[in-house]
């Protein structure tokens, strides 16, 4: 069985991630956990953004309702297994209900409605003190005994990321993934060949909400707390920036973008307070010099290099 260069690189990266706790300190492991949580969240958004062509500004809602559903259920019942199933299930319900309205629109109107729906959910969570804890959130979410150490929580976020990323990769390269790309690239042309674009787009939104819900569970494992901030539009905007920086037209783009954003903001936060300024600079540089994102830029450079070598052989 032959393995290409991409497979070897992937295996090396996975091996490095698995052995990271042996060589890194607890703070570095915490940062890596945040990268895996953010990367999965970004991949869930890019399913509808990069492949489906839908500018979704309320992705944080799905992460948030999943995290809150898990946390509230575990606090009142103590059942971890049911909680991790309930979280993504609630996210899917929200995704389905919102998607029914969203698929009727496109372009800027689609984006504006996502912002409105997202802020509505955030306001309910923020104001409902008796149920969600309001602005205080839930400062301490119980986790099972096998997730008691930072290394165990890191391993859990890594495993969740790897399994979910593999599933998303299979989806975007499936017949459904091709239909989603077709509707994203030219919705009118897809309709002209008898593709039910509303059903395809709705399915994409539902799948996106499911994986965002899984990232919500991963977030709780990483942070051991939840607050209304995770549902706010700013969180959705930051993950959108991660996708754009990495490259929305490549599968690995959101992963690379998330890693770059987390690492730069983590380092910058030690020296300055205004992290939003740093994010703005990163996005500006990306848009001006790498409009296809970091991964798209690298792939283009490699492609140009191969073409040049063939030309002069």
Protein backbone atom coordinates (compact mmCIF):
# COMPACT_ATOMS: atom_id res chain seq x y z
CA UNK A 1 0.00 0.00 0.00
CA UNK A 2 1.48 3.31 -1.09
CA UNK A 3 1.34 6.41 1.09
CA UNK A 4 1.77 9.85 -0.39
CA UNK A 5 3.61 12.71 1.23
CA UNK A 6 0.43 14.19 2.76
CA UNK A 7 -0.31 10.96 4.63
CA UNK A 8 3.21 10.80 6.05
CA UNK A 9 3.00 14.42 7.22
CA UNK A 10 -0.41 13.76 8.78
CA UNK A 11 0.85 10.68 10.64
CA UNK A 12 3.85 12.64 11.95
CA UNK A 13 1.61 15.45 13.20
CA UNK A 14 -0.76 13.01 14.92
CA UNK A 15 2.18 11.22 16.55
CA UNK A 16 3.56 14.58 17.73
CA UNK A 17 0.18 15.55 19.19
CA UNK A 18 -0.15 12.22 21.01
CA UNK A 19 3.31 12.49 22.55
CA UNK A 20 3.09 16.23 23.36
CA UNK A 21 2.19 15.68 27.06
CA UNK A 22 5.52 13.87 27.52
CA UNK A 23 7.61 16.89 26.54
CA UNK A 24 5.46 20.00 27.13
CA UNK A 25 4.46 21.74 30.36
CA UNK A 26 0.87 22.05 31.57
CA UNK A 27 0.38 25.56 30.14
CA UNK A 28 1.48 24.49 26.66
CA UNK A 29 -0.86 21.49 26.87
CA UNK A 30 -3.71 23.87 27.76
CA UNK A 31 -2.93 26.00 24.69
CA UNK A 32 -2.87 22.91 22.47
CA UNK A 33 -6.24 21.84 23.88
CA UNK A 34 -7.64 25.26 22.97
CA UNK A 35 -6.26 24.87 19.44
CA UNK A 36 -8.03 21.52 18.96
CA UNK A 37 -11.32 22.88 20.30
CA UNK A 38 -11.07 25.97 18.08
CA UNK A 39 -9.98 23.96 15.04
CA UNK A 40 -13.01 21.66 15.26
CA UNK A 41 -15.26 24.69 15.71
CA UNK A 42 -13.69 26.31 12.63
CA UNK A 43 -14.10 23.11 10.57
CA UNK A 44 -17.80 23.03 11.45
CA UNK A 45 -18.21 26.61 10.23
CA UNK A 46 -16.22 26.02 7.06
CA UNK A 47 -18.58 23.22 6.04
CA UNK A 48 -21.21 25.88 5.26
CA UNK A 49 -18.83 28.78 4.60
CA UNK A 50 -16.13 27.40 2.33
CA UNK A 51 -18.07 24.53 0.79
CA UNK A 52 -21.67 25.76 0.99
CA UNK A 53 -21.03 29.45 0.32
CA UNK A 54 -23.17 30.52 3.30
CA UNK A 55 -21.88 33.43 5.40
CA UNK A 56 -22.93 32.25 8.85
CA UNK A 57 -22.39 34.72 11.71
CA UNK A 58 -24.10 32.74 14.46
CA UNK A 59 -21.99 29.58 14.58
CA UNK A 60 -21.16 30.25 18.23
CA UNK A 61 -24.82 29.62 19.10
CA UNK A 62 -24.48 25.93 18.28
CA UNK A 63 -21.31 25.57 20.35
CA UNK A 64 -22.92 27.50 23.19
CA UNK A 65 -26.27 25.69 23.40
CA UNK A 66 -24.45 22.35 23.30
CA UNK A 67 -22.06 23.39 26.08
CA UNK A 68 -24.93 24.74 28.21
CA UNK A 69 -27.12 21.69 27.58
CA UNK A 70 -24.37 19.34 28.67
CA UNK A 71 -23.43 21.45 31.70
CA UNK A 72 -26.98 21.94 32.98
CA UNK A 73 -27.89 18.29 32.49
CA UNK A 74 -24.79 17.00 34.23
CA UNK A 75 -25.25 19.45 37.10
CA UNK A 76 -28.80 18.25 37.76
CA UNK A 77 -28.50 14.56 36.88
CA UNK A 78 -24.82 13.67 37.03
CA UNK A 79 -24.99 11.59 33.84
CA UNK A 80 -21.95 12.33 31.69
CA UNK A 81 -22.83 9.95 28.84
CA UNK A 82 -26.34 11.31 28.32
CA UNK A 83 -24.96 14.83 28.62
CA UNK A 84 -22.47 14.44 25.75
CA UNK A 85 -25.28 13.07 23.56
CA UNK A 86 -27.75 15.75 24.60
CA UNK A 87 -25.42 18.67 23.80
CA UNK A 88 -24.99 18.03 20.05
CA UNK A 89 -28.66 16.93 19.82
CA UNK A 90 -29.83 20.32 21.11
CA UNK A 91 -27.41 22.04 18.71
CA UNK A 92 -28.96 20.08 15.82
CA UNK A 93 -32.45 21.15 16.89
CA UNK A 94 -31.39 24.79 16.89
CA UNK A 95 -29.61 24.31 13.56
CA UNK A 96 -32.71 22.75 11.99
CA UNK A 97 -35.10 25.44 13.23
CA UNK A 98 -32.79 28.29 12.21
CA UNK A 99 -31.92 26.60 8.93
CA UNK A 100 -35.55 26.41 7.85
CA UNK A 101 -35.64 30.22 7.84
CA UNK A 102 -32.09 30.77 6.59
CA UNK A 103 -32.29 28.65 3.42
CA UNK A 104 -34.96 31.02 2.07
CA UNK A 105 -32.37 33.79 1.91
CA UNK A 106 -28.92 34.32 0.41
CA UNK A 107 -26.06 36.81 0.42
CA UNK A 108 -26.14 39.73 2.84
CA UNK A 109 -29.70 38.97 3.93
CA UNK A 110 -28.64 35.47 4.99
CA UNK A 111 -25.77 36.94 7.02
CA UNK A 112 -27.97 39.59 8.67
CA UNK A 113 -30.54 37.00 9.73
CA UNK A 114 -27.83 34.78 11.25
CA UNK A 115 -26.65 37.73 13.36
CA UNK A 116 -30.23 38.47 14.50
CA UNK A 117 -30.98 34.86 15.42
CA UNK A 118 -27.64 34.47 17.17
CA UNK A 119 -28.11 37.60 19.27
CA UNK A 120 -31.62 36.48 20.20
CA UNK A 121 -30.34 33.19 21.63
CA UNK A 122 -27.48 34.98 23.40
CA UNK A 123 -29.91 37.45 25.01
CA UNK A 124 -32.12 34.63 26.32
CA UNK A 125 -29.12 32.82 27.86
CA UNK A 126 -27.74 36.08 29.29
CA UNK A 127 -31.03 37.15 30.91
CA UNK A 128 -32.33 33.79 32.16
CA UNK A 129 -30.59 33.86 35.55
CA UNK A 130 -32.75 31.21 37.21
CA UNK A 131 -31.86 28.60 34.58
CA UNK A 132 -28.55 29.47 32.90
CA UNK A 133 -26.94 31.55 35.62
CA UNK A 134 -27.18 34.69 33.49
CA UNK A 135 -23.99 36.67 33.07
CA UNK A 136 -22.22 34.51 35.65
CA UNK A 137 -22.72 31.36 33.58
CA UNK A 138 -21.72 28.07 35.20
CA UNK A 139 -18.25 28.55 36.72
CA UNK A 140 -17.63 24.91 37.59
CA UNK A 141 -18.90 22.07 35.41
CA UNK A 142 -18.40 18.56 36.82
CA UNK A 143 -16.44 16.10 34.71
CA UNK A 144 -16.03 12.33 35.18
CA UNK A 145 -13.06 10.95 37.09
CA UNK A 146 -11.15 9.90 33.97
CA UNK A 147 -10.93 13.60 32.97
CA UNK A 148 -9.51 14.84 36.24
CA UNK A 149 -6.04 15.87 35.00
CA UNK A 150 -5.00 18.37 32.31
CA UNK A 151 -3.32 15.58 30.34
CA UNK A 152 -6.50 13.47 30.32
CA UNK A 153 -8.56 16.46 29.21
CA UNK A 154 -6.01 17.20 26.48
CA UNK A 155 -6.21 13.63 25.23
CA UNK A 156 -10.02 13.83 25.19
CA UNK A 157 -10.05 17.05 23.13
CA UNK A 158 -7.47 15.55 20.75
CA UNK A 159 -9.46 12.34 20.22
CA UNK A 160 -12.70 14.26 19.69
CA UNK A 161 -10.96 16.50 17.17
CA UNK A 162 -9.37 13.63 15.22
CA UNK A 163 -12.58 11.61 14.96
CA UNK A 164 -14.70 14.65 14.04
CA UNK A 165 -12.16 15.97 11.51
CA UNK A 166 -12.04 12.56 9.83
CA UNK A 167 -15.85 12.46 9.65
CA UNK A 168 -15.99 15.98 8.18
CA UNK A 169 -13.33 15.07 5.62
CA UNK A 170 -15.42 12.11 4.50
CA UNK A 171 -18.52 14.31 4.28
CA UNK A 172 -16.95 17.02 2.11
CA UNK A 173 -15.55 14.37 -0.24
CA UNK A 174 -18.83 12.44 -0.45
CA UNK A 175 -21.56 12.85 -3.12
CA UNK A 176 -23.37 15.14 -0.69
CA UNK A 177 -20.20 17.20 -0.33
CA UNK A 178 -20.09 17.66 -4.11
CA UNK A 179 -23.73 18.82 -4.07
CA UNK A 180 -22.95 21.27 -1.28
CA UNK A 181 -19.99 22.65 -3.26
CA UNK A 182 -22.20 22.97 -6.34
CA UNK A 183 -24.83 25.01 -4.48
CA UNK A 184 -22.10 27.13 -2.92
CA UNK A 185 -20.40 27.91 -6.22
CA UNK A 186 -23.52 28.51 -8.31
CA UNK A 187 -26.89 27.99 -6.68
CA UNK A 188 -28.85 28.87 -9.83
CA UNK A 189 -26.94 26.42 -12.00
CA UNK A 190 -27.39 23.68 -9.38
CA UNK A 191 -31.16 24.28 -9.43
CA UNK A 192 -31.15 24.08 -13.23
CA UNK A 193 -29.92 20.46 -13.05
CA UNK A 194 -32.72 19.51 -10.63
CA UNK A 195 -30.75 19.79 -7.38
CA UNK A 196 -33.01 20.67 -4.44
CA UNK A 197 -30.68 23.38 -3.20
CA UNK A 198 -32.78 24.26 -0.14
CA UNK A 199 -32.59 20.69 1.14
CA UNK A 200 -28.84 20.54 0.45
CA UNK A 201 -28.21 23.83 2.20
CA UNK A 202 -30.43 22.88 5.16
CA UNK A 203 -28.61 19.56 5.50
CA UNK A 204 -25.30 21.42 5.44
CA UNK A 205 -26.46 23.76 8.22
CA UNK A 206 -27.70 20.84 10.33
CA UNK A 207 -24.42 18.94 9.91
CA UNK A 208 -22.49 22.11 10.69
CA UNK A 209 -24.53 22.61 13.87
CA UNK A 210 -23.91 18.99 14.90
CA UNK A 211 -20.13 19.30 14.70
CA UNK A 212 -20.24 22.72 16.35
CA UNK A 213 -22.21 21.00 19.11
CA UNK A 214 -19.46 18.40 19.46
CA UNK A 215 -16.93 21.23 19.72
CA UNK A 216 -19.14 22.62 22.51
CA UNK A 217 -18.64 19.40 24.49
CA UNK A 218 -14.92 19.60 23.79
CA UNK A 219 -14.96 23.22 25.00
CA UNK A 220 -16.50 22.22 28.34
CA UNK A 221 -13.90 19.48 28.79
CA UNK A 222 -11.17 22.04 28.07
CA UNK A 223 -12.48 24.97 30.15
CA UNK A 224 -14.64 23.18 32.78
CA UNK A 225 -17.00 26.17 32.70
CA UNK A 226 -19.48 27.98 30.44
CA UNK A 227 -20.62 31.59 30.13
CA UNK A 228 -22.83 33.62 27.75
CA UNK A 229 -19.69 34.98 26.10
CA UNK A 230 -19.27 31.78 24.10
CA UNK A 231 -22.59 32.50 22.31
CA UNK A 232 -21.82 36.14 21.53
CA UNK A 233 -21.39 37.24 17.89
CA UNK A 234 -17.77 38.20 18.61
CA UNK A 235 -16.92 34.51 19.10
CA UNK A 236 -18.47 33.71 15.71
CA UNK A 237 -16.52 36.57 14.11
CA UNK A 238 -13.22 35.32 15.56
CA UNK A 239 -13.74 31.82 14.20
CA UNK A 240 -14.64 33.33 10.83
CA UNK A 241 -11.30 35.16 10.88
CA UNK A 242 -9.54 31.85 11.63
CA UNK A 243 -11.17 30.27 8.57
CA UNK A 244 -10.24 33.20 6.33
CA UNK A 245 -6.64 33.31 7.56
CA UNK A 246 -6.16 29.58 7.01
CA UNK A 247 -8.10 29.41 3.76
CA UNK A 248 -11.79 28.60 3.37
CA UNK A 249 -11.35 26.67 0.12
CA UNK A 250 -9.11 24.01 1.65
CA UNK A 251 -9.96 21.42 4.28
CA UNK A 252 -6.84 22.08 6.35
CA UNK A 253 -7.26 25.87 6.16
CA UNK A 254 -9.48 26.32 9.24
CA UNK A 255 -7.16 24.06 11.27
CA UNK A 256 -4.06 26.05 10.33
CA UNK A 257 -5.89 29.34 10.77
CA UNK A 258 -7.08 28.35 14.25
CA UNK A 259 -3.56 27.34 15.29
CA UNK A 260 -2.10 30.62 14.00
CA UNK A 261 -4.77 32.76 15.68
CA UNK A 262 -4.53 30.98 19.05
CA UNK A 263 -0.72 31.00 19.12
CA UNK A 264 -0.36 34.66 18.10
CA UNK A 265 -3.10 35.94 20.42
CA UNK A 266 -1.72 33.85 23.32
CA UNK A 267 1.73 35.34 22.87
CA UNK A 268 0.38 38.87 22.24
CA UNK A 269 -1.84 38.77 25.35
CA UNK A 270 1.31 38.66 27.49
CA UNK A 271 2.41 42.05 26.18
CA UNK A 272 -0.75 43.97 25.29
CA UNK A 273 -4.43 44.24 26.21
CA UNK A 274 -6.12 44.90 22.87
CA UNK A 275 -6.17 41.47 21.24
CA UNK A 276 -8.84 42.59 18.75
CA UNK A 277 -6.20 44.91 17.26
CA UNK A 278 -3.91 41.91 16.72
CA UNK A 279 -6.72 39.95 15.05
CA UNK A 280 -7.38 42.90 12.76
CA UNK A 281 -3.73 43.06 11.70
CA UNK A 282 -3.66 39.30 11.03
CA UNK A 283 -6.80 39.51 8.89
CA UNK A 284 -5.51 42.57 7.01
CA UNK A 285 -2.22 40.87 6.16
CA UNK A 286 -4.05 37.72 5.10
CA UNK A 287 -6.52 39.54 2.84
CA UNK A 288 -3.86 41.72 1.20
CA UNK A 289 -1.07 39.19 0.70
CA UNK A 290 -2.73 35.77 1.00
CA UNK A 291 -6.36 36.11 -0.19
CA UNK A 292 -6.64 32.31 -0.47
CA UNK A 293 -5.40 31.88 3.09
CA UNK A 294 -2.17 30.39 4.37
CA UNK A 295 -2.86 26.88 3.09
CA UNK A 296 -4.11 28.17 -0.26
CA UNK A 297 -1.00 30.34 -0.59
CA UNK A 298 1.32 27.41 0.17
CA UNK A 299 -0.50 25.08 -2.23
CA UNK A 300 -0.28 27.68 -4.99
CA UNK A 301 3.44 28.20 -4.39
CA UNK A 302 4.09 24.46 -4.43
CA UNK A 303 2.01 24.08 -7.59
CA UNK A 304 3.89 26.91 -9.30
CA UNK A 305 7.20 25.35 -8.27
CA UNK A 306 6.26 21.93 -9.69
CA UNK A 307 5.05 23.52 -12.93
CA UNK A 308 8.31 25.49 -13.26
CA UNK A 309 10.41 22.36 -12.71
CA UNK A 310 8.48 20.48 -15.38
CA UNK A 311 8.86 23.37 -17.78
CA UNK A 312 12.67 23.41 -17.50
CA UNK A 313 13.23 19.64 -17.47
